[in-house]
N, C-alpha and C. Protein backbone atom coordinates (compact mmCIF):
# COMPACT_ATOMS: atom_id res chain seq x y z
N MET A 1 -14.26 -21.18 22.31
CA MET A 1 -12.48 -21.78 22.95
C MET A 1 -12.44 -23.43 22.81
N LYS A 2 -11.62 -23.89 22.67
CA LYS A 2 -11.09 -24.62 22.45
C LYS A 2 -9.59 -25.95 23.44
N VAL A 3 -9.82 -26.56 23.53
CA VAL A 3 -9.26 -27.60 24.52
C VAL A 3 -8.32 -28.65 23.72
N LEU A 4 -7.12 -28.76 23.67
CA LEU A 4 -6.43 -29.93 23.30
C LEU A 4 -6.15 -30.72 23.54
N LEU A 5 -6.68 -31.97 23.71
CA LEU A 5 -6.53 -33.52 24.95
C LEU A 5 -5.57 -34.80 23.99
N ILE A 6 -4.68 -34.68 24.85
CA ILE A 6 -3.43 -35.68 24.25
C ILE A 6 -3.42 -36.86 24.65
N ASN A 7 -3.59 -38.01 23.82
CA ASN A 7 -3.59 -39.49 24.62
C ASN A 7 -2.43 -39.96 24.19
N GLY A 8 -1.44 -40.11 25.40
CA GLY A 8 0.14 -40.16 25.68
C GLY A 8 -0.04 -42.16 25.83
N SER A 9 -0.84 -42.57 25.39
CA SER A 9 -0.90 -44.11 25.42
C SER A 9 -0.93 -45.46 24.52
N PRO A 10 -0.15 -45.99 24.23
CA PRO A 10 -0.14 -46.98 23.21
C PRO A 10 -1.51 -47.41 22.68
N HIS A 11 -2.44 -47.52 23.49
CA HIS A 11 -3.85 -47.99 23.52
C HIS A 11 -4.79 -46.90 22.76
N GLU A 12 -4.69 -46.85 21.81
CA GLU A 12 -5.66 -45.74 21.29
C GLU A 12 -7.17 -45.69 22.29
N ASN A 13 -8.20 -46.57 21.95
CA ASN A 13 -8.98 -46.79 22.80
C ASN A 13 -8.80 -47.06 24.36
N GLY A 14 -8.06 -47.02 25.03
CA GLY A 14 -7.67 -47.99 27.12
C GLY A 14 -8.05 -46.92 27.75
N CYS A 15 -7.56 -46.85 28.65
CA CYS A 15 -8.08 -46.16 29.99
C CYS A 15 -7.67 -44.46 30.10
N THR A 16 -6.41 -44.90 29.16
CA THR A 16 -6.33 -43.32 29.30
C THR A 16 -7.23 -42.53 28.43
N TYR A 17 -7.58 -42.95 27.73
CA TYR A 17 -8.74 -42.50 26.57
C TYR A 17 -10.04 -42.13 27.37
N THR A 18 -10.34 -43.29 28.05
CA THR A 18 -11.66 -43.04 28.82
C THR A 18 -11.73 -42.07 29.88
N ALA A 19 -10.59 -41.76 30.31
CA ALA A 19 -10.46 -41.01 31.55
C ALA A 19 -10.36 -39.38 30.86
N LEU A 20 -9.70 -39.48 29.69
CA LEU A 20 -10.19 -38.34 28.83
C LEU A 20 -11.32 -37.96 28.33
N SER A 21 -11.95 -39.14 27.63
CA SER A 21 -13.62 -38.56 27.61
C SER A 21 -14.27 -37.97 28.32
N GLU A 22 -13.65 -38.09 29.80
CA GLU A 22 -14.70 -37.84 30.70
C GLU A 22 -14.90 -36.32 30.66
N VAL A 23 -13.30 -36.21 30.73
CA VAL A 23 -13.19 -34.71 30.86
C VAL A 23 -13.26 -33.94 29.73
N LEU A 24 -13.49 -34.43 28.33
CA LEU A 24 -14.01 -33.79 27.23
C LEU A 24 -15.62 -33.70 27.10
N LYS A 25 -16.26 -35.00 28.42
CA LYS A 25 -17.78 -34.49 27.99
C LYS A 25 -18.04 -33.34 28.85
N SER A 26 -17.43 -33.32 30.30
CA SER A 26 -17.50 -32.41 31.04
C SER A 26 -17.21 -30.87 30.34
N LEU A 27 -16.19 -31.13 29.85
CA LEU A 27 -15.81 -29.38 28.98
C LEU A 27 -16.93 -29.16 27.44
N ASN A 28 -17.15 -30.26 26.83
CA ASN A 28 -18.68 -29.88 26.69
C ASN A 28 -19.46 -29.26 27.01
N ASN A 29 -20.34 -30.59 28.40
CA ASN A 29 -21.27 -29.49 28.97
C ASN A 29 -20.84 -28.34 29.52
N GLU A 30 -19.78 -27.75 30.06
CA GLU A 30 -19.55 -26.26 29.77
C GLU A 30 -19.55 -25.03 28.52
N GLY A 31 -20.14 -25.80 27.17
CA GLY A 31 -19.51 -25.05 26.11
C GLY A 31 -18.20 -25.18 25.80
N ILE A 32 -17.42 -25.68 26.06
CA ILE A 32 -16.00 -25.75 25.40
C ILE A 32 -15.90 -26.56 24.55
N ASP A 33 -15.31 -26.51 23.32
CA ASP A 33 -15.51 -27.79 22.37
C ASP A 33 -13.87 -27.89 22.71
N GLY A 34 -13.47 -29.49 22.32
CA GLY A 34 -12.37 -30.26 22.52
C GLY A 34 -12.15 -31.01 21.29
N GLU A 35 -11.06 -31.86 21.77
CA GLU A 35 -9.96 -32.35 20.76
C GLU A 35 -9.24 -33.69 21.36
N ILE A 36 -9.56 -34.73 21.08
CA ILE A 36 -8.98 -35.94 21.63
C ILE A 36 -8.06 -36.39 20.64
N VAL A 37 -6.79 -36.26 20.65
CA VAL A 37 -5.33 -36.72 19.52
C VAL A 37 -4.94 -38.02 19.88
N HIS A 38 -4.52 -38.82 19.44
CA HIS A 38 -3.28 -39.98 20.37
C HIS A 38 -2.58 -39.94 19.20
N ILE A 39 -1.66 -39.83 19.81
CA ILE A 39 0.41 -39.78 19.72
C ILE A 39 0.83 -41.41 19.34
N GLY A 40 -0.02 -42.13 19.19
CA GLY A 40 0.64 -43.62 19.12
C GLY A 40 1.79 -43.75 18.46
N LYS A 41 2.18 -42.84 17.28
CA LYS A 41 3.26 -43.26 16.22
C LYS A 41 4.54 -41.78 16.76
N LEU A 42 4.17 -41.69 17.75
CA LEU A 42 5.53 -40.63 18.29
C LEU A 42 6.25 -41.51 18.93
N GLN A 43 7.38 -41.72 18.47
CA GLN A 43 8.87 -42.56 18.79
C GLN A 43 9.77 -42.15 19.18
N GLN A 44 10.02 -41.24 18.09
CA GLN A 44 11.16 -40.77 17.94
C GLN A 44 11.31 -39.37 19.23
N GLY A 45 12.31 -39.21 20.12
CA GLY A 45 12.87 -38.63 21.38
C GLY A 45 13.49 -37.13 20.63
N CYS A 46 13.51 -35.95 21.51
CA CYS A 46 14.14 -35.00 20.79
C CYS A 46 15.61 -35.25 21.00
N ILE A 47 16.52 -34.72 20.12
CA ILE A 47 18.09 -34.86 20.18
C ILE A 47 18.39 -33.60 20.11
N GLY A 48 18.34 -32.55 20.49
CA GLY A 48 18.56 -31.42 20.70
C GLY A 48 18.97 -30.61 19.99
N CYS A 49 18.69 -30.48 18.86
CA CYS A 49 19.38 -29.53 17.09
C CYS A 49 19.30 -28.34 17.14
N GLY A 50 18.12 -28.23 17.91
CA GLY A 50 18.08 -26.79 17.79
C GLY A 50 17.00 -25.98 17.17
N PHE A 51 16.81 -26.84 15.72
CA PHE A 51 15.90 -26.51 14.50
C PHE A 51 14.89 -25.98 15.59
N CYS A 52 13.73 -26.21 16.19
CA CYS A 52 12.78 -25.79 16.53
C CYS A 52 12.65 -24.38 17.00
N LYS A 53 13.86 -23.98 17.53
CA LYS A 53 13.73 -22.53 18.42
C LYS A 53 14.17 -21.76 17.12
N LYS A 54 14.59 -21.77 15.64
CA LYS A 54 14.75 -21.12 14.39
C LYS A 54 13.35 -21.21 13.96
N ASN A 55 13.01 -22.71 13.98
CA ASN A 55 12.17 -22.67 13.07
C ASN A 55 10.32 -23.13 13.17
N GLY A 56 10.44 -23.21 14.84
CA GLY A 56 9.02 -23.03 15.43
C GLY A 56 8.33 -24.48 15.15
N ARG A 57 9.34 -25.49 14.31
CA ARG A 57 8.66 -26.89 13.77
C ARG A 57 9.42 -27.50 14.52
N CYS A 58 9.78 -29.09 14.28
CA CYS A 58 10.64 -29.99 14.59
C CYS A 58 11.41 -30.30 13.40
N ALA A 59 12.60 -30.73 13.46
CA ALA A 59 13.40 -31.07 12.40
C ALA A 59 12.98 -32.56 11.47
N PHE A 60 12.29 -33.82 12.49
CA PHE A 60 11.89 -34.57 11.98
C PHE A 60 10.51 -34.51 10.85
N GLY A 61 10.34 -33.65 10.76
CA GLY A 61 9.24 -33.00 9.65
C GLY A 61 7.69 -33.92 10.44
N ASP A 62 7.31 -34.02 8.93
CA ASP A 62 5.75 -34.63 9.03
C ASP A 62 5.42 -36.14 9.46
N GLU A 63 6.51 -36.81 9.86
CA GLU A 63 6.67 -38.29 9.37
C GLU A 63 6.00 -39.13 10.88
N ASP A 64 5.96 -38.02 11.94
CA ASP A 64 5.04 -38.70 13.03
C ASP A 64 3.86 -37.63 13.72
N GLY A 65 3.96 -37.07 13.44
CA GLY A 65 2.61 -36.04 13.11
C GLY A 65 2.53 -35.07 14.24
N LEU A 66 4.08 -34.50 14.84
CA LEU A 66 4.32 -33.52 15.98
C LEU A 66 4.31 -32.30 15.24
N ASN A 67 4.42 -32.16 14.13
CA ASN A 67 4.28 -30.76 13.31
C ASN A 67 2.98 -30.36 13.11
N LEU A 68 2.29 -31.02 13.15
CA LEU A 68 0.35 -31.33 12.62
C LEU A 68 0.02 -30.93 14.19
N LEU A 69 0.22 -31.49 15.47
CA LEU A 69 -0.01 -31.44 16.80
C LEU A 69 0.30 -29.44 16.87
N LEU A 70 1.28 -29.54 16.67
CA LEU A 70 1.94 -28.04 16.78
C LEU A 70 1.06 -26.73 16.12
N GLU A 71 0.27 -27.20 14.75
CA GLU A 71 -0.46 -26.20 14.46
C GLU A 71 -1.70 -26.42 15.04
N LYS A 72 -2.22 -27.55 15.34
CA LYS A 72 -3.12 -27.52 16.04
C LYS A 72 -3.23 -26.65 17.40
N SER A 73 -2.19 -26.31 18.41
CA SER A 73 -1.90 -25.79 19.10
C SER A 73 -1.43 -24.35 19.20
N GLU A 74 -1.73 -23.88 17.73
CA GLU A 74 -2.08 -22.32 17.93
C GLU A 74 -2.97 -22.00 18.26
N SER A 75 -4.29 -22.62 18.03
CA SER A 75 -5.77 -22.45 18.03
C SER A 75 -6.02 -22.60 19.15
N ALA A 76 -5.57 -23.75 20.19
CA ALA A 76 -5.94 -24.52 21.13
C ALA A 76 -5.99 -23.26 22.12
N ASP A 77 -6.66 -22.99 23.15
CA ASP A 77 -6.76 -22.01 24.46
C ASP A 77 -6.44 -22.68 25.41
N GLY A 78 -6.45 -24.53 25.17
CA GLY A 78 -5.66 -25.00 26.79
C GLY A 78 -5.48 -26.22 26.51
N PHE A 79 -4.85 -27.20 27.43
CA PHE A 79 -4.63 -28.40 27.15
C PHE A 79 -4.77 -29.77 28.63
N VAL A 80 -4.63 -30.84 27.77
CA VAL A 80 -4.84 -31.87 28.96
C VAL A 80 -3.78 -33.06 28.24
N ILE A 81 -2.91 -33.33 29.33
CA ILE A 81 -2.29 -34.36 28.41
C ILE A 81 -2.71 -35.46 29.31
N GLY A 82 -2.66 -36.24 28.62
CA GLY A 82 -3.27 -38.18 29.86
C GLY A 82 -2.16 -38.83 29.37
N SER A 83 -1.96 -39.64 30.42
CA SER A 83 -0.31 -40.67 29.76
C SER A 83 -1.04 -42.41 30.84
N PRO A 84 -0.54 -42.96 30.33
CA PRO A 84 -0.76 -44.43 31.66
C PRO A 84 0.49 -44.15 32.55
N VAL A 85 0.89 -45.08 33.33
CA VAL A 85 1.85 -44.78 34.61
C VAL A 85 2.48 -46.33 34.43
N HIS A 86 3.71 -45.36 33.29
CA HIS A 86 4.66 -47.33 32.93
C HIS A 86 5.89 -46.81 34.15
N PHE A 87 6.58 -47.45 35.13
CA PHE A 87 7.60 -47.52 35.96
C PHE A 87 7.14 -46.29 36.80
N ALA A 88 6.19 -45.86 37.58
CA ALA A 88 5.79 -44.59 38.24
C ALA A 88 6.31 -43.44 37.78
N SER A 89 6.37 -43.25 35.98
CA SER A 89 6.40 -41.90 35.58
C SER A 89 5.31 -42.44 34.55
N ALA A 90 5.74 -41.45 33.67
CA ALA A 90 4.48 -41.12 32.10
C ALA A 90 5.30 -42.04 31.03
N SER A 91 4.07 -41.96 30.42
CA SER A 91 4.77 -42.82 29.42
C SER A 91 6.35 -42.41 28.47
N GLY A 92 7.00 -43.48 27.83
CA GLY A 92 8.00 -42.78 26.97
C GLY A 92 7.59 -42.22 26.07
N MET A 93 6.25 -42.58 26.09
CA MET A 93 5.78 -41.93 24.13
C MET A 93 5.42 -40.54 24.59
N VAL A 94 4.70 -40.19 25.85
CA VAL A 94 4.66 -39.01 26.01
C VAL A 94 5.33 -38.22 26.40
N THR A 95 6.28 -38.91 27.25
CA THR A 95 7.21 -38.16 27.57
C THR A 95 8.19 -37.46 26.56
N SER A 96 8.53 -38.44 25.06
CA SER A 96 9.13 -37.74 24.03
C SER A 96 8.08 -36.67 23.03
N PHE A 97 7.20 -36.69 23.29
CA PHE A 97 6.20 -35.65 22.76
C PHE A 97 6.27 -34.60 23.52
N MET A 98 6.14 -34.58 25.18
CA MET A 98 6.47 -33.08 25.80
C MET A 98 7.84 -32.26 25.76
N ASP A 99 8.90 -33.43 25.31
CA ASP A 99 9.99 -32.73 25.36
C ASP A 99 10.08 -32.15 24.13
N ARG A 100 9.55 -32.55 22.96
CA ARG A 100 9.49 -31.64 21.75
C ARG A 100 8.99 -30.80 21.49
N PHE A 101 7.24 -31.14 22.08
CA PHE A 101 6.35 -29.83 21.80
C PHE A 101 6.79 -28.57 22.80
N PHE A 102 7.37 -28.66 23.95
CA PHE A 102 7.73 -27.55 24.47
C PHE A 102 8.92 -26.91 24.29
N MET A 103 9.88 -27.75 23.66
CA MET A 103 10.92 -26.97 23.16
C MET A 103 10.42 -26.26 21.87
N ALA A 104 9.35 -26.56 20.68
CA ALA A 104 9.21 -26.11 19.25
C ALA A 104 8.10 -25.14 19.45
N ALA A 105 7.22 -25.23 20.67
CA ALA A 105 5.98 -24.38 20.61
C ALA A 105 6.08 -23.29 21.17
N LYS A 106 5.76 -22.26 20.64
CA LYS A 106 6.25 -20.56 21.36
C LYS A 106 4.60 -20.26 21.83
N ASN A 107 3.35 -20.80 21.96
CA ASN A 107 2.36 -19.91 21.86
C ASN A 107 1.77 -20.49 22.96
N THR A 108 1.98 -21.45 24.24
CA THR A 108 1.91 -21.87 24.84
C THR A 108 1.57 -21.11 26.60
N ALA A 109 2.64 -20.14 26.45
CA ALA A 109 2.43 -19.07 27.78
C ALA A 109 0.89 -18.71 27.89
N TYR A 110 0.02 -18.75 28.96
CA TYR A 110 -0.81 -18.25 29.80
C TYR A 110 -2.15 -19.42 29.09
N LYS A 111 -1.62 -20.52 28.85
CA LYS A 111 -3.21 -21.18 28.26
C LYS A 111 -2.94 -22.25 29.10
N PRO A 112 -3.99 -22.31 30.17
CA PRO A 112 -4.30 -23.68 30.87
C PRO A 112 -3.77 -24.94 30.39
N GLY A 113 -3.09 -25.40 31.85
CA GLY A 113 -2.71 -27.30 31.41
C GLY A 113 -2.85 -28.17 32.50
N ALA A 114 -3.40 -29.40 31.88
CA ALA A 114 -3.89 -29.91 33.13
C ALA A 114 -3.15 -31.75 32.55
N ALA A 115 -2.87 -32.16 33.74
CA ALA A 115 -2.41 -33.68 33.43
C ALA A 115 -2.79 -34.58 33.85
N ILE A 116 -3.01 -35.59 32.85
CA ILE A 116 -3.77 -36.33 34.08
C ILE A 116 -3.44 -38.60 33.98
N VAL A 117 -3.23 -38.94 34.49
CA VAL A 117 -2.21 -40.18 34.34
C VAL A 117 -3.37 -41.41 35.19
N SER A 118 -3.29 -42.56 34.45
CA SER A 118 -3.95 -43.69 34.17
C SER A 118 -3.14 -44.97 34.74
N CYS A 119 -3.48 -45.43 36.04
CA CYS A 119 -2.49 -46.54 36.26
C CYS A 119 -3.67 -47.84 37.46
N ARG A 120 -3.20 -48.75 36.75
CA ARG A 120 -3.88 -49.89 37.93
C ARG A 120 -3.55 -49.87 38.93
N ARG A 121 -2.24 -49.50 39.60
CA ARG A 121 -2.30 -49.06 41.17
C ARG A 121 -1.82 -48.22 41.86
N GLY A 122 -0.48 -48.37 41.55
CA GLY A 122 0.81 -47.13 42.20
C GLY A 122 1.53 -46.63 41.26
N GLY A 123 1.87 -45.80 41.83
CA GLY A 123 3.22 -44.91 40.70
C GLY A 123 2.34 -43.45 39.98
N ALA A 124 1.31 -43.39 40.33
CA ALA A 124 0.24 -41.97 39.68
C ALA A 124 0.58 -41.00 40.15
N SER A 125 1.49 -40.72 41.41
CA SER A 125 1.15 -39.46 42.09
C SER A 125 2.79 -39.00 41.16
N ALA A 126 3.58 -39.60 41.04
CA ALA A 126 4.89 -39.38 40.77
C ALA A 126 4.82 -39.35 39.03
N ALA A 127 3.80 -39.61 37.98
CA ALA A 127 3.75 -39.31 36.78
C ALA A 127 3.41 -38.35 36.65
N LEU A 128 2.06 -37.83 37.69
CA LEU A 128 1.77 -36.70 37.48
C LEU A 128 2.60 -35.33 37.86
N ASP A 129 3.44 -35.75 38.53
CA ASP A 129 3.98 -34.52 38.76
C ASP A 129 5.43 -34.10 38.19
N GLN A 130 5.66 -35.10 37.70
CA GLN A 130 6.89 -34.83 36.37
C GLN A 130 6.21 -34.28 35.32
N LEU A 131 4.55 -34.76 34.73
CA LEU A 131 3.73 -34.26 33.32
C LEU A 131 3.92 -32.64 33.74
N ASN A 132 3.22 -31.96 35.05
CA ASN A 132 3.41 -30.82 35.66
C ASN A 132 4.17 -30.21 35.22
N LYS A 133 4.68 -30.69 35.56
CA LYS A 133 6.85 -30.02 35.37
C LYS A 133 6.61 -29.20 34.09
N TYR A 134 6.30 -29.52 33.17
CA TYR A 134 6.38 -29.23 31.73
C TYR A 134 5.33 -27.89 31.48
N PHE A 135 4.33 -27.73 32.78
CA PHE A 135 3.87 -26.16 32.35
C PHE A 135 4.05 -25.15 32.76
N THR A 136 4.85 -25.70 34.55
CA THR A 136 4.99 -24.61 35.31
C THR A 136 6.54 -24.01 34.78
N ILE A 137 6.91 -24.53 33.19
CA ILE A 137 8.57 -24.11 32.80
C ILE A 137 8.25 -22.91 31.87
N ARG A 138 6.38 -23.26 31.40
CA ARG A 138 5.92 -22.23 30.09
C ARG A 138 4.99 -21.40 30.71
N ASN A 139 5.08 -20.90 31.80
CA ASN A 139 4.20 -19.67 32.17
C ASN A 139 2.52 -20.34 31.92
N MET A 140 2.73 -21.75 32.17
CA MET A 140 0.86 -22.21 32.04
C MET A 140 0.60 -22.22 33.63
N PRO A 141 -0.78 -21.88 34.05
CA PRO A 141 -1.61 -21.87 34.18
C PRO A 141 -2.15 -23.66 34.94
N VAL A 142 -2.01 -24.19 36.02
CA VAL A 142 -1.72 -25.61 35.94
C VAL A 142 -3.17 -25.87 36.86
N VAL A 143 -4.57 -26.66 35.77
CA VAL A 143 -5.45 -27.04 36.27
C VAL A 143 -5.76 -27.71 37.31
N SER A 144 -6.49 -27.70 38.31
CA SER A 144 -6.73 -28.81 39.37
C SER A 144 -8.02 -29.27 39.56
N SER A 145 -8.41 -30.17 40.25
CA SER A 145 -9.60 -31.03 40.21
C SER A 145 -9.10 -31.15 42.07
N ASN A 146 -10.53 -31.89 42.51
CA ASN A 146 -10.89 -31.73 44.14
C ASN A 146 -9.92 -33.15 44.73
N TYR A 147 -9.20 -33.62 43.71
CA TYR A 147 -8.42 -35.02 44.12
C TYR A 147 -7.12 -34.87 43.20
N TRP A 148 -6.00 -35.40 43.37
CA TRP A 148 -4.69 -35.59 42.45
C TRP A 148 -5.64 -36.00 40.83
N ASN A 149 -5.16 -35.45 39.69
CA ASN A 149 -5.80 -36.18 38.30
C ASN A 149 -5.96 -37.42 37.77
N MET A 150 -6.05 -38.39 38.55
CA MET A 150 -5.89 -39.92 38.22
C MET A 150 -7.06 -41.08 38.87
N VAL A 151 -6.76 -41.25 37.72
CA VAL A 151 -8.27 -42.73 37.45
C VAL A 151 -7.36 -44.22 37.67
N HIS A 152 -8.25 -45.43 38.07
CA HIS A 152 -7.36 -46.38 38.81
C HIS A 152 -7.97 -47.69 37.72
N GLY A 153 -7.32 -48.60 37.35
CA GLY A 153 -8.28 -49.09 36.55
C GLY A 153 -7.14 -50.36 35.72
N GLY A 154 -7.38 -51.54 35.28
CA GLY A 154 -6.40 -52.31 34.21
C GLY A 154 -7.29 -52.13 33.19
N LYS A 155 -8.34 -52.25 32.91
CA LYS A 155 -9.02 -51.94 31.87
C LYS A 155 -9.84 -50.85 31.62
N PRO A 156 -10.57 -50.19 30.53
CA PRO A 156 -11.11 -49.45 30.41
C PRO A 156 -12.84 -49.14 31.18
N GLU A 157 -13.24 -50.98 31.19
CA GLU A 157 -14.37 -50.80 31.87
C GLU A 157 -14.39 -50.59 33.38
N ASP A 158 -12.70 -50.92 33.98
CA ASP A 158 -12.43 -51.01 35.59
C ASP A 158 -12.60 -49.19 35.83
N VAL A 159 -11.59 -48.51 34.92
CA VAL A 159 -11.58 -47.13 34.65
C VAL A 159 -13.43 -46.53 34.69
N LEU A 160 -13.72 -47.07 34.10
CA LEU A 160 -15.81 -46.55 34.51
C LEU A 160 -15.91 -46.73 35.83
N LYS A 161 -15.75 -48.64 36.45
CA LYS A 161 -16.22 -47.98 37.99
C LYS A 161 -15.19 -47.49 39.04
N ASP A 162 -14.52 -46.84 38.44
CA ASP A 162 -13.56 -46.03 39.90
C ASP A 162 -14.67 -44.70 39.67
N GLU A 163 -15.67 -44.59 40.71
CA GLU A 163 -16.32 -43.79 41.01
C GLU A 163 -15.49 -42.19 41.25
N GLU A 164 -14.58 -42.44 42.15
CA GLU A 164 -14.13 -40.98 42.41
C GLU A 164 -12.99 -40.51 41.31
N GLY A 165 -12.27 -41.56 40.89
CA GLY A 165 -11.77 -40.93 39.84
C GLY A 165 -12.27 -39.95 38.86
N MET A 166 -13.37 -41.06 38.09
CA MET A 166 -14.51 -40.27 36.90
C MET A 166 -14.91 -38.60 37.87
N GLN A 167 -15.18 -39.20 38.85
CA GLN A 167 -15.62 -37.51 39.15
C GLN A 167 -14.39 -36.35 39.06
N THR A 168 -13.09 -37.01 39.18
CA THR A 168 -12.03 -36.27 39.32
C THR A 168 -12.04 -35.60 38.00
N MET A 169 -12.02 -36.58 37.07
CA MET A 169 -12.03 -35.69 35.35
C MET A 169 -13.38 -35.33 34.67
N ARG A 170 -14.21 -35.36 36.13
CA ARG A 170 -15.48 -33.97 35.56
C ARG A 170 -15.05 -32.82 36.47
N ILE A 171 -14.94 -33.32 37.23
CA ILE A 171 -14.65 -31.96 38.24
C ILE A 171 -13.34 -30.62 37.42
N LEU A 172 -12.59 -31.63 36.91
CA LEU A 172 -11.25 -30.81 35.50
C LEU A 172 -11.84 -30.48 35.18
N GLY A 173 -12.76 -31.01 33.97
CA GLY A 173 -13.11 -30.54 33.00
C GLY A 173 -14.12 -28.65 33.25
N LYS A 174 -14.39 -29.18 34.39
CA LYS A 174 -15.54 -27.96 34.98
C LYS A 174 -14.21 -26.45 35.49
N ASN A 175 -13.68 -27.18 36.43
CA ASN A 175 -12.80 -26.23 36.25
C ASN A 175 -11.69 -25.77 34.98
N MET A 176 -11.53 -26.48 34.34
CA MET A 176 -10.60 -25.95 32.90
C MET A 176 -11.50 -24.72 31.69
N ALA A 177 -12.92 -25.23 31.68
CA ALA A 177 -13.95 -24.74 31.38
C ALA A 177 -13.92 -22.96 32.30
N TRP A 178 -14.17 -23.19 33.51
CA TRP A 178 -14.41 -21.77 34.24
C TRP A 178 -12.70 -21.07 34.49
N LEU A 179 -11.75 -21.88 34.07
CA LEU A 179 -9.95 -20.49 34.59
C LEU A 179 -10.54 -20.74 32.55
N LEU A 180 -10.90 -21.02 31.50
CA LEU A 180 -10.59 -20.48 30.11
C LEU A 180 -11.96 -18.99 30.09
N LYS A 181 -12.98 -19.65 30.38
CA LYS A 181 -14.25 -18.20 30.85
C LYS A 181 -13.67 -17.06 31.39
N CYS A 182 -12.58 -17.23 32.65
CA CYS A 182 -12.31 -15.93 33.19
C CYS A 182 -11.10 -15.44 32.58
N ILE A 183 -10.50 -16.13 31.85
CA ILE A 183 -9.20 -15.94 30.81
C ILE A 183 -10.01 -14.64 29.97
N GLN A 184 -11.34 -15.44 29.09
CA GLN A 184 -12.08 -14.65 27.76
C GLN A 184 -12.49 -13.18 28.41
N LEU A 185 -12.96 -13.66 29.49
CA LEU A 185 -13.46 -12.37 30.31
C LEU A 185 -12.30 -11.17 30.67
N GLY A 186 -10.99 -11.85 30.92
CA GLY A 186 -10.04 -10.91 31.41
C GLY A 186 -9.75 -10.66 30.01
N LYS A 187 -9.70 -10.78 28.70
CA LYS A 187 -9.12 -10.52 27.43
C LYS A 187 -10.65 -9.22 27.08
N GLU A 188 -11.16 -9.35 27.41
CA GLU A 188 -12.54 -8.53 26.68
C GLU A 188 -12.38 -7.17 27.56
N ASN A 189 -12.37 -7.31 28.75
CA ASN A 189 -12.06 -5.93 29.17
C ASN A 189 -10.76 -5.66 29.70
N GLY A 190 -10.28 -5.57 28.96
CA GLY A 190 -8.48 -5.44 28.92
C GLY A 190 -7.69 -5.50 30.13
N VAL A 191 -7.75 -6.54 30.51
CA VAL A 191 -6.55 -7.01 31.73
C VAL A 191 -5.81 -7.65 30.86
N PRO A 192 -4.48 -6.99 30.71
CA PRO A 192 -3.27 -7.21 29.74
C PRO A 192 -2.75 -8.86 30.73
N PHE A 193 -1.60 -9.91 29.85
CA PHE A 193 -1.21 -10.71 30.72
C PHE A 193 0.23 -9.97 31.32
N PRO A 194 0.30 -10.73 31.59
CA PRO A 194 2.08 -10.19 33.03
C PRO A 194 2.70 -9.68 31.53
N THR A 195 3.71 -8.52 31.82
CA THR A 195 4.47 -8.22 30.82
C THR A 195 5.63 -9.40 31.31
N HIS A 196 6.04 -9.55 29.78
CA HIS A 196 7.00 -10.18 29.28
C HIS A 196 8.95 -9.93 29.91
N GLU A 197 9.09 -10.81 30.72
CA GLU A 197 10.61 -10.56 30.72
C GLU A 197 11.79 -11.23 29.74
N PRO A 198 12.49 -10.90 29.01
CA PRO A 198 13.38 -11.95 28.23
C PRO A 198 14.07 -12.81 29.61
N GLY A 199 14.76 -13.99 29.05
CA GLY A 199 14.57 -15.02 29.49
C GLY A 199 16.36 -15.02 30.07
N ILE A 200 16.59 -15.21 31.08
CA ILE A 200 17.70 -14.80 31.63
C ILE A 200 18.34 -16.31 31.99
N THR A 201 19.39 -16.76 31.44
CA THR A 201 19.57 -18.15 31.41
C THR A 201 21.06 -18.00 32.11
N THR A 202 21.22 -18.95 33.48
CA THR A 202 22.50 -18.97 34.41
C THR A 202 23.16 -20.48 34.66
N ASN A 203 23.85 -20.39 34.81
CA ASN A 203 24.50 -22.00 35.45
C ASN A 203 25.40 -21.63 36.41
N PHE A 204 26.21 -22.95 37.05
CA PHE A 204 26.61 -22.87 38.46
C PHE A 204 27.95 -22.77 37.77
N ILE A 205 28.52 -22.90 36.51
CA ILE A 205 30.31 -22.41 36.87
C ILE A 205 30.63 -20.94 36.50
N ARG A 206 31.22 -20.67 37.19
CA ARG A 206 32.00 -19.53 37.50
C ARG A 206 33.25 -19.45 36.88
């Protein structure tokens, strides 16, 4: 089993990476593989062209790596999305990624997802709530920890001093591993996923 961890910070080895690394270490200790991918070159936002609905890939091609991530997601069993907090929300980079990824990805249902955020002081809860909404619209179990999935610090060394935050990351990794193992046991013992219903789209104009 493998978890794909997305670093949505402009800093490849900064505070968000430090938190994700602690989650990955915990996953590895539980026998789960993982890979941290930095999306530092992803800058283009979704333009709503509909190309991905037909092709399962983004119309922008391979210029910024999103299609490579879509390929990686096909073999991933779970996801952890990490972002710094910018103005009490996720970074523009990770928001752009989530918009495009979840429009194009066809294989995320029933795969556990978790979001983590890193901030110096405030705004973490709002950013975390923003990211979790992507999972809940795609039939994905949301993985929690013993506190909200956040770390605090202005530099990586500060994050390492956030003992409660680092513990939250470790427990998140353990909880993700436990849920993945439960899902695998269900598959092996013939427990089916919920019956799929075709989507019903409505609006408020009659």
